[in-house]
Amino acid sequence: AELWLGALAATLLLVILGMLGFVFKEAWPSF
């Protein structure tokens, strides 16, 4: 259970980081 919860937390963190990276990548030409 600890391994699954850790994997879930890491996946959520990766999704958030991926979202941030995508938004800033698309926004860079305007800035």
PDB file of all heavy atoms in Angstrom:
ATOM      1  N   ALA A   1       0.833  -1.210   0.000  1.00  0.00           N
ATOM      2  CA  ALA A   1       0.000   0.000   0.000  1.00  0.00           C
ATOM      3  C   ALA A   1       0.868   1.261   0.000  1.00  0.00           C
ATOM      4  O   ALA A   1       0.560   2.244  -0.686  1.00  0.00           O
ATOM      5  CB  ALA A   1      -0.932  -0.002   1.206  1.00  0.00           C
ATOM      6  N   GLU A   2       1.962   1.234   0.758  1.00  0.00           N
ATOM      7  CA  GLU A   2       2.853   2.384   0.779  1.00  0.00           C
ATOM      8  C   GLU A   2       3.467   2.627  -0.588  1.00  0.00           C
ATOM      9  O   GLU A   2       3.601   3.775  -1.037  1.00  0.00           O
ATOM     10  CB  GLU A   2       3.959   2.165   1.816  1.00  0.00           C
ATOM     11  CG  GLU A   2       3.462   2.107   3.252  1.00  0.00           C
ATOM     12  CD  GLU A   2       4.618   1.904   4.212  1.00  0.00           C
ATOM     13  OE1 GLU A   2       5.676   2.521   4.026  1.00  0.00           O
ATOM     14  OE2 GLU A   2       4.475   1.087   5.139  1.00  0.00           O
ATOM     15  N   LEU A   3       3.852   1.555  -1.278  1.00  0.00           N
ATOM     16  CA  LEU A   3       4.431   1.704  -2.614  1.00  0.00           C
ATOM     17  C   LEU A   3       3.422   2.292  -3.591  1.00  0.00           C
ATOM     18  O   LEU A   3       3.748   3.181  -4.395  1.00  0.00           O
ATOM     19  CB  LEU A   3       4.935   0.349  -3.112  1.00  0.00           C
ATOM     20  CG  LEU A   3       6.107  -0.268  -2.342  1.00  0.00           C
ATOM     21  CD1 LEU A   3       6.419  -1.660  -2.877  1.00  0.00           C
ATOM     22  CD2 LEU A   3       7.339   0.630  -2.432  1.00  0.00           C
ATOM     23  N   TRP A   4       2.175   1.809  -3.533  1.00  0.00           N
ATOM     24  CA  TRP A   4       1.148   2.338  -4.431  1.00  0.00           C
ATOM     25  C   TRP A   4       0.848   3.804  -4.140  1.00  0.00           C
ATOM     26  O   TRP A   4       0.695   4.612  -5.073  1.00  0.00           O
ATOM     27  CB  TRP A   4      -0.135   1.511  -4.306  1.00  0.00           C
ATOM     28  CG  TRP A   4      -0.114   0.242  -5.083  1.00  0.00           C
ATOM     29  CD1 TRP A   4      -0.013  -1.032  -4.603  1.00  0.00           C
ATOM     30  CD2 TRP A   4      -0.195   0.120  -6.512  1.00  0.00           C
ATOM     31  NE1 TRP A   4      -0.023  -1.945  -5.628  1.00  0.00           N
ATOM     32  CE2 TRP A   4      -0.134  -1.266  -6.813  1.00  0.00           C
ATOM     33  CE3 TRP A   4      -0.302   1.027  -7.553  1.00  0.00           C
ATOM     34  CZ2 TRP A   4      -0.188  -1.741  -8.114  1.00  0.00           C
ATOM     35  CZ3 TRP A   4      -0.363   0.562  -8.853  1.00  0.00           C
ATOM     36  CH2 TRP A   4      -0.301  -0.812  -9.133  1.00  0.00           C
ATOM     37  N   LEU A   5       0.769   4.157  -2.869  1.00  0.00           N
ATOM     38  CA  LEU A   5       0.517   5.558  -2.519  1.00  0.00           C
ATOM     39  C   LEU A   5       1.677   6.457  -2.934  1.00  0.00           C
ATOM     40  O   LEU A   5       1.473   7.575  -3.426  1.00  0.00           O
ATOM     41  CB  LEU A   5       0.265   5.681  -1.016  1.00  0.00           C
ATOM     42  CG  LEU A   5      -1.046   5.066  -0.506  1.00  0.00           C
ATOM     43  CD1 LEU A   5      -1.103   5.137   1.009  1.00  0.00           C
ATOM     44  CD2 LEU A   5      -2.244   5.782  -1.124  1.00  0.00           C
ATOM     45  N   GLY A   6       2.901   5.967  -2.754  1.00  0.00           N
ATOM     46  CA  GLY A   6       4.063   6.743  -3.194  1.00  0.00           C
ATOM     47  C   GLY A   6       4.082   6.930  -4.701  1.00  0.00           C
ATOM     48  O   GLY A   6       4.397   8.015  -5.206  1.00  0.00           O
ATOM     49  N   ALA A   7       3.739   5.860  -5.425  1.00  0.00           N
ATOM     50  CA  ALA A   7       3.692   5.963  -6.881  1.00  0.00           C
ATOM     51  C   ALA A   7       2.608   6.939  -7.331  1.00  0.00           C
ATOM     52  O   ALA A   7       2.800   7.711  -8.285  1.00  0.00           O
ATOM     53  CB  ALA A   7       3.450   4.583  -7.493  1.00  0.00           C
ATOM     54  N   LEU A   8       1.459   6.905  -6.638  1.00  0.00           N
ATOM     55  CA  LEU A   8       0.373   7.820  -6.978  1.00  0.00           C
ATOM     56  C   LEU A   8       0.783   9.264  -6.736  1.00  0.00           C
ATOM     57  O   LEU A   8       0.518  10.152  -7.574  1.00  0.00           O
ATOM     58  CB  LEU A   8      -0.861   7.470  -6.150  1.00  0.00           C
ATOM     59  CG  LEU A   8      -2.111   8.323  -6.394  1.00  0.00           C
ATOM     60  CD1 LEU A   8      -2.577   8.188  -7.839  1.00  0.00           C
ATOM     61  CD2 LEU A   8      -3.226   7.924  -5.435  1.00  0.00           C
ATOM     62  N   ALA A   9       1.443   9.526  -5.595  1.00  0.00           N
ATOM     63  CA  ALA A   9       1.898  10.887  -5.294  1.00  0.00           C
ATOM     64  C   ALA A   9       2.931  11.361  -6.314  1.00  0.00           C
ATOM     65  O   ALA A   9       2.893  12.508  -6.778  1.00  0.00           O
ATOM     66  CB  ALA A   9       2.470  10.950  -3.880  1.00  0.00           C
ATOM     67  N   ALA A  10       3.851  10.461  -6.695  1.00  0.00           N
ATOM     68  CA  ALA A  10       4.866  10.830  -7.682  1.00  0.00           C
ATOM     69  C   ALA A  10       4.238  11.098  -9.049  1.00  0.00           C
ATOM     70  O   ALA A  10       4.630  12.025  -9.758  1.00  0.00           O
ATOM     71  CB  ALA A  10       5.912   9.716  -7.791  1.00  0.00           C
ATOM     72  N   THR A  11       3.231  10.290  -9.406  1.00  0.00           N
ATOM     73  CA  THR A  11       2.548  10.503 -10.678  1.00  0.00           C
ATOM     74  C   THR A  11       1.835  11.847 -10.699  1.00  0.00           C
ATOM     75  O   THR A  11       1.884  12.584 -11.703  1.00  0.00           O
ATOM     76  CB  THR A  11       1.535   9.375 -10.938  1.00  0.00           C
ATOM     77  OG1 THR A  11       2.215   8.118 -10.926  1.00  0.00           O
ATOM     78  CG2 THR A  11       0.828   9.568 -12.268  1.00  0.00           C
ATOM     79  N   LEU A  12       1.173  12.171  -9.598  1.00  0.00           N
ATOM     80  CA  LEU A  12       0.484  13.455  -9.506  1.00  0.00           C
ATOM     81  C   LEU A  12       1.471  14.605  -9.635  1.00  0.00           C
ATOM     82  O   LEU A  12       1.208  15.597 -10.332  1.00  0.00           O
ATOM     83  CB  LEU A  12      -0.278  13.545  -8.186  1.00  0.00           C
ATOM     84  CG  LEU A  12      -1.081  14.819  -7.941  1.00  0.00           C
ATOM     85  CD1 LEU A  12      -2.150  14.994  -9.014  1.00  0.00           C
ATOM     86  CD2 LEU A  12      -1.714  14.805  -6.552  1.00  0.00           C
ATOM     87  N   LEU A  13       2.620  14.484  -8.987  1.00  0.00           N
ATOM     88  CA  LEU A  13       3.638  15.527  -9.076  1.00  0.00           C
ATOM     89  C   LEU A  13       4.155  15.667 -10.505  1.00  0.00           C
ATOM     90  O   LEU A  13       4.335  16.786 -11.005  1.00  0.00           O
ATOM     91  CB  LEU A  13       4.786  15.206  -8.121  1.00  0.00           C
ATOM     92  CG  LEU A  13       5.946  16.204  -8.098  1.00  0.00           C
ATOM     93  CD1 LEU A  13       5.456  17.582  -7.677  1.00  0.00           C
ATOM     94  CD2 LEU A  13       7.048  15.724  -7.169  1.00  0.00           C
ATOM     95  N   LEU A  14       4.359  14.542 -11.184  1.00  0.00           N
ATOM     96  CA  LEU A  14       4.827  14.591 -12.573  1.00  0.00           C
ATOM     97  C   LEU A  14       3.786  15.234 -13.486  1.00  0.00           C
ATOM     98  O   LEU A  14       4.131  15.976 -14.409  1.00  0.00           O
ATOM     99  CB  LEU A  14       5.159  13.185 -13.060  1.00  0.00           C
ATOM    100  CG  LEU A  14       6.402  12.541 -12.449  1.00  0.00           C
ATOM    101  CD1 LEU A  14       6.559  11.098 -12.939  1.00  0.00           C
ATOM    102  CD2 LEU A  14       7.659  13.351 -12.800  1.00  0.00           C
ATOM    103  N   VAL A  15       2.503  14.945 -13.237  1.00  0.00           N
ATOM    104  CA  VAL A  15       1.440  15.556 -14.044  1.00  0.00           C
ATOM    105  C   VAL A  15       1.434  17.071 -13.867  1.00  0.00           C
ATOM    106  O   VAL A  15       1.320  17.838 -14.838  1.00  0.00           O
ATOM    107  CB  VAL A  15       0.069  14.960 -13.664  1.00  0.00           C
ATOM    108  CG1 VAL A  15      -1.068  15.758 -14.294  1.00  0.00           C
ATOM    109  CG2 VAL A  15      -0.015  13.510 -14.115  1.00  0.00           C
ATOM    110  N   ILE A  16       1.580  17.524 -12.623  1.00  0.00           N
ATOM    111  CA  ILE A  16       1.597  18.963 -12.353  1.00  0.00           C
ATOM    112  C   ILE A  16       2.803  19.615 -13.021  1.00  0.00           C
ATOM    113  O   ILE A  16       2.688  20.671 -13.671  1.00  0.00           O
ATOM    114  CB  ILE A  16       1.604  19.221 -10.835  1.00  0.00           C
ATOM    115  CG1 ILE A  16       0.278  18.754 -10.225  1.00  0.00           C
ATOM    116  CG2 ILE A  16       1.818  20.704 -10.547  1.00  0.00           C
ATOM    117  CD1 ILE A  16       0.239  18.845  -8.719  1.00  0.00           C
ATOM    118  N   LEU A  17       3.976  18.984 -12.890  1.00  0.00           N
ATOM    119  CA  LEU A  17       5.171  19.533 -13.516  1.00  0.00           C
ATOM    120  C   LEU A  17       5.034  19.546 -15.034  1.00  0.00           C
ATOM    121  O   LEU A  17       5.450  20.500 -15.704  1.00  0.00           O
ATOM    122  CB  LEU A  17       6.403  18.727 -13.103  1.00  0.00           C
ATOM    123  CG  LEU A  17       6.818  18.845 -11.635  1.00  0.00           C
ATOM    124  CD1 LEU A  17       7.996  17.924 -11.338  1.00  0.00           C
ATOM    125  CD2 LEU A  17       7.179  20.291 -11.289  1.00  0.00           C
ATOM    126  N   GLY A  18       4.435  18.493 -15.593  1.00  0.00           N
ATOM    127  CA  GLY A  18       4.214  18.458 -17.035  1.00  0.00           C
ATOM    128  C   GLY A  18       3.271  19.557 -17.491  1.00  0.00           C
ATOM    129  O   GLY A  18       3.488  20.189 -18.532  1.00  0.00           O
ATOM    130  N   MET A  19       2.225  19.796 -16.725  1.00  0.00           N
ATOM    131  CA  MET A  19       1.281  20.858 -17.057  1.00  0.00           C
ATOM    132  C   MET A  19       1.968  22.221 -17.026  1.00  0.00           C
ATOM    133  O   MET A  19       1.801  23.044 -17.938  1.00  0.00           O
ATOM    134  CB  MET A  19       0.112  20.838 -16.084  1.00  0.00           C
ATOM    135  CG  MET A  19      -0.926  21.909 -16.339  1.00  0.00           C
ATOM    136  SD  MET A  19      -2.177  21.982 -15.032  1.00  0.00           S
ATOM    137  CE  MET A  19      -1.189  22.613 -13.677  1.00  0.00           C
ATOM    138  N   LEU A  20       2.761  22.453 -15.973  1.00  0.00           N
ATOM    139  CA  LEU A  20       3.473  23.723 -15.873  1.00  0.00           C
ATOM    140  C   LEU A  20       4.448  23.903 -17.033  1.00  0.00           C
ATOM    141  O   LEU A  20       4.527  24.984 -17.638  1.00  0.00           O
ATOM    142  CB  LEU A  20       4.217  23.798 -14.541  1.00  0.00           C
ATOM    143  CG  LEU A  20       3.358  23.889 -13.283  1.00  0.00           C
ATOM    144  CD1 LEU A  20       4.232  23.824 -12.034  1.00  0.00           C
ATOM    145  CD2 LEU A  20       2.541  25.165 -13.282  1.00  0.00           C
ATOM    146  N   GLY A  21       5.184  22.838 -17.346  1.00  0.00           N
ATOM    147  CA  GLY A  21       6.127  22.924 -18.450  1.00  0.00           C
ATOM    148  C   GLY A  21       5.437  23.221 -19.771  1.00  0.00           C
ATOM    149  O   GLY A  21       5.920  24.031 -20.579  1.00  0.00           O
ATOM    150  N   PHE A  22       4.295  22.568 -20.007  1.00  0.00           N
ATOM    151  CA  PHE A  22       3.564  22.792 -21.258  1.00  0.00           C
ATOM    152  C   PHE A  22       3.057  24.228 -21.354  1.00  0.00           C
ATOM    153  O   PHE A  22       3.190  24.882 -22.407  1.00  0.00           O
ATOM    154  CB  PHE A  22       2.395  21.815 -21.354  1.00  0.00           C
ATOM    155  CG  PHE A  22       1.519  22.030 -22.545  1.00  0.00           C
ATOM    156  CD1 PHE A  22       1.923  21.615 -23.802  1.00  0.00           C
ATOM    157  CD2 PHE A  22       0.296  22.665 -22.404  1.00  0.00           C
ATOM    158  CE1 PHE A  22       1.111  21.827 -24.907  1.00  0.00           C
ATOM    159  CE2 PHE A  22      -0.517  22.886 -23.500  1.00  0.00           C
ATOM    160  CZ  PHE A  22      -0.102  22.466 -24.760  1.00  0.00           C
ATOM    161  N   VAL A  23       2.482  24.747 -20.258  1.00  0.00           N
ATOM    162  CA  VAL A  23       1.941  26.114 -20.279  1.00  0.00           C
ATOM    163  C   VAL A  23       3.047  27.122 -20.535  1.00  0.00           C
ATOM    164  O   VAL A  23       2.909  28.020 -21.385  1.00  0.00           O
ATOM    165  CB  VAL A  23       1.202  26.412 -18.953  1.00  0.00           C
ATOM    166  CG1 VAL A  23       0.862  27.903 -18.858  1.00  0.00           C
ATOM    167  CG2 VAL A  23      -0.065  25.581 -18.844  1.00  0.00           C
ATOM    168  N   PHE A  24       4.183  26.981 -19.831  1.00  0.00           N
ATOM    169  CA  PHE A  24       5.255  27.955 -20.002  1.00  0.00           C
ATOM    170  C   PHE A  24       5.930  27.815 -21.370  1.00  0.00           C
ATOM    171  O   PHE A  24       6.382  28.814 -21.944  1.00  0.00           O
ATOM    172  CB  PHE A  24       6.280  27.813 -18.879  1.00  0.00           C
ATOM    173  CG  PHE A  24       5.843  28.444 -17.596  1.00  0.00           C
ATOM    174  CD1 PHE A  24       5.262  27.689 -16.592  1.00  0.00           C
ATOM    175  CD2 PHE A  24       5.970  29.802 -17.383  1.00  0.00           C
ATOM    176  CE1 PHE A  24       4.829  28.257 -15.414  1.00  0.00           C
ATOM    177  CE2 PHE A  24       5.546  30.396 -16.217  1.00  0.00           C
ATOM    178  CZ  PHE A  24       4.980  29.626 -15.220  1.00  0.00           C
ATOM    179  N   LYS A  25       5.977  26.614 -21.915  1.00  0.00           N
ATOM    180  CA  LYS A  25       6.523  26.428 -23.255  1.00  0.00           C
ATOM    181  C   LYS A  25       5.664  27.156 -24.293  1.00  0.00           C
ATOM    182  O   LYS A  25       6.177  27.837 -25.189  1.00  0.00           O
ATOM    183  CB  LYS A  25       6.615  24.943 -23.580  1.00  0.00           C
ATOM    184  CG  LYS A  25       6.988  24.633 -25.024  1.00  0.00           C
ATOM    185  CD  LYS A  25       7.020  23.142 -25.261  1.00  0.00           C
ATOM    186  CE  LYS A  25       7.192  22.829 -26.747  1.00  0.00           C
ATOM    187  NZ  LYS A  25       6.026  23.272 -27.547  1.00  0.00           N
ATOM    188  N   GLU A  26       4.334  26.993 -24.174  1.00  0.00           N
ATOM    189  CA  GLU A  26       3.437  27.654 -25.115  1.00  0.00           C
ATOM    190  C   GLU A  26       3.422  29.174 -24.913  1.00  0.00           C
ATOM    191  O   GLU A  26       3.183  29.927 -25.859  1.00  0.00           O
ATOM    192  CB  GLU A  26       2.019  27.104 -24.955  1.00  0.00           C
ATOM    193  CG  GLU A  26       1.875  25.643 -25.345  1.00  0.00           C
ATOM    194  CD  GLU A  26       2.098  25.441 -26.836  1.00  0.00           C
ATOM    195  OE1 GLU A  26       1.660  26.301 -27.627  1.00  0.00           O
ATOM    196  OE2 GLU A  26       2.716  24.424 -27.212  1.00  0.00           O
ATOM    197  N   ALA A  27       3.658  29.622 -23.688  1.00  0.00           N
ATOM    198  CA  ALA A  27       3.600  31.053 -23.392  1.00  0.00           C
ATOM    199  C   ALA A  27       4.881  31.793 -23.763  1.00  0.00           C
ATOM    200  O   ALA A  27       4.854  33.022 -23.907  1.00  0.00           O
ATOM    201  CB  ALA A  27       3.308  31.259 -21.904  1.00  0.00           C
ATOM    202  N   TRP A  28       5.971  31.071 -23.937  1.00  0.00           N
ATOM    203  CA  TRP A  28       7.271  31.726 -24.115  1.00  0.00           C
ATOM    204  C   TRP A  28       7.322  32.676 -25.311  1.00  0.00           C
ATOM    205  O   TRP A  28       7.903  33.771 -25.190  1.00  0.00           O
ATOM    206  CB  TRP A  28       8.374  30.684 -24.217  1.00  0.00           C
ATOM    207  CG  TRP A  28       9.719  31.306 -24.450  1.00  0.00           C
ATOM    208  CD1 TRP A  28      10.505  31.207 -25.555  1.00  0.00           C
ATOM    209  CD2 TRP A  28      10.430  32.149 -23.540  1.00  0.00           C
ATOM    210  NE1 TRP A  28      11.654  31.939 -25.400  1.00  0.00           N
ATOM    211  CE2 TRP A  28      11.639  32.529 -24.167  1.00  0.00           C
ATOM    212  CE3 TRP A  28      10.158  32.628 -22.254  1.00  0.00           C
ATOM    213  CZ2 TRP A  28      12.562  33.357 -23.558  1.00  0.00           C
ATOM    214  CZ3 TRP A  28      11.075  33.455 -21.652  1.00  0.00           C
ATOM    215  CH2 TRP A  28      12.265  33.796 -22.293  1.00  0.00           C
ATOM    216  N   PRO A  29       6.764  32.348 -26.502  1.00  0.00           N
ATOM    217  CA  PRO A  29       6.853  33.299 -27.624  1.00  0.00           C
ATOM    218  C   PRO A  29       6.274  34.670 -27.296  1.00  0.00           C
ATOM    219  O   PRO A  29       6.842  35.693 -27.717  1.00  0.00           O
ATOM    220  CB  PRO A  29       6.056  32.600 -28.732  1.00  0.00           C
ATOM    221  CG  PRO A  29       6.172  31.154 -28.420  1.00  0.00           C
ATOM    222  CD  PRO A  29       6.154  31.072 -26.925  1.00  0.00           C
ATOM    223  N   SER A  30       5.172  34.728 -26.557  1.00  0.00           N
ATOM    224  CA  SER A  30       4.581  36.019 -26.208  1.00  0.00           C
ATOM    225  C   SER A  30       5.485  36.800 -25.265  1.00  0.00           C
ATOM    226  O   SER A  30       5.704  38.000 -25.442  1.00  0.00           O
ATOM    227  CB  SER A  30       3.208  35.809 -25.565  1.00  0.00           C
ATOM    228  OG  SER A  30       2.610  37.036 -25.224  1.00  0.00           O
ATOM    229  N   PHE A  31       6.037  36.126 -24.247  1.00  0.00           N
ATOM    230  CA  PHE A  31       6.927  36.800 -23.308  1.00  0.00           C
ATOM    231  C   PHE A  31       8.236  37.222 -23.977  1.00  0.00           C
ATOM    232  O   PHE A  31       8.747  38.316 -23.731  1.00  0.00           O
ATOM    233  CB  PHE A  31       7.225  35.889 -22.114  1.00  0.00           C
ATOM    234  CG  PHE A  31       6.059  35.710 -21.193  1.00  0.00           C
ATOM    235  CD1 PHE A  31       5.717  34.446 -20.714  1.00  0.00           C
ATOM    236  CD2 PHE A  31       5.296  36.790 -20.786  1.00  0.00           C
ATOM    237  CE1 PHE A  31       4.646  34.266 -19.858  1.00  0.00           C
ATOM    238  CE2 PHE A  31       4.210  36.621 -19.930  1.00  0.00           C
ATOM    239  CZ  PHE A  31       3.891  35.360 -19.470  1.00  0.00           C
TER     240      PHE A  31
END
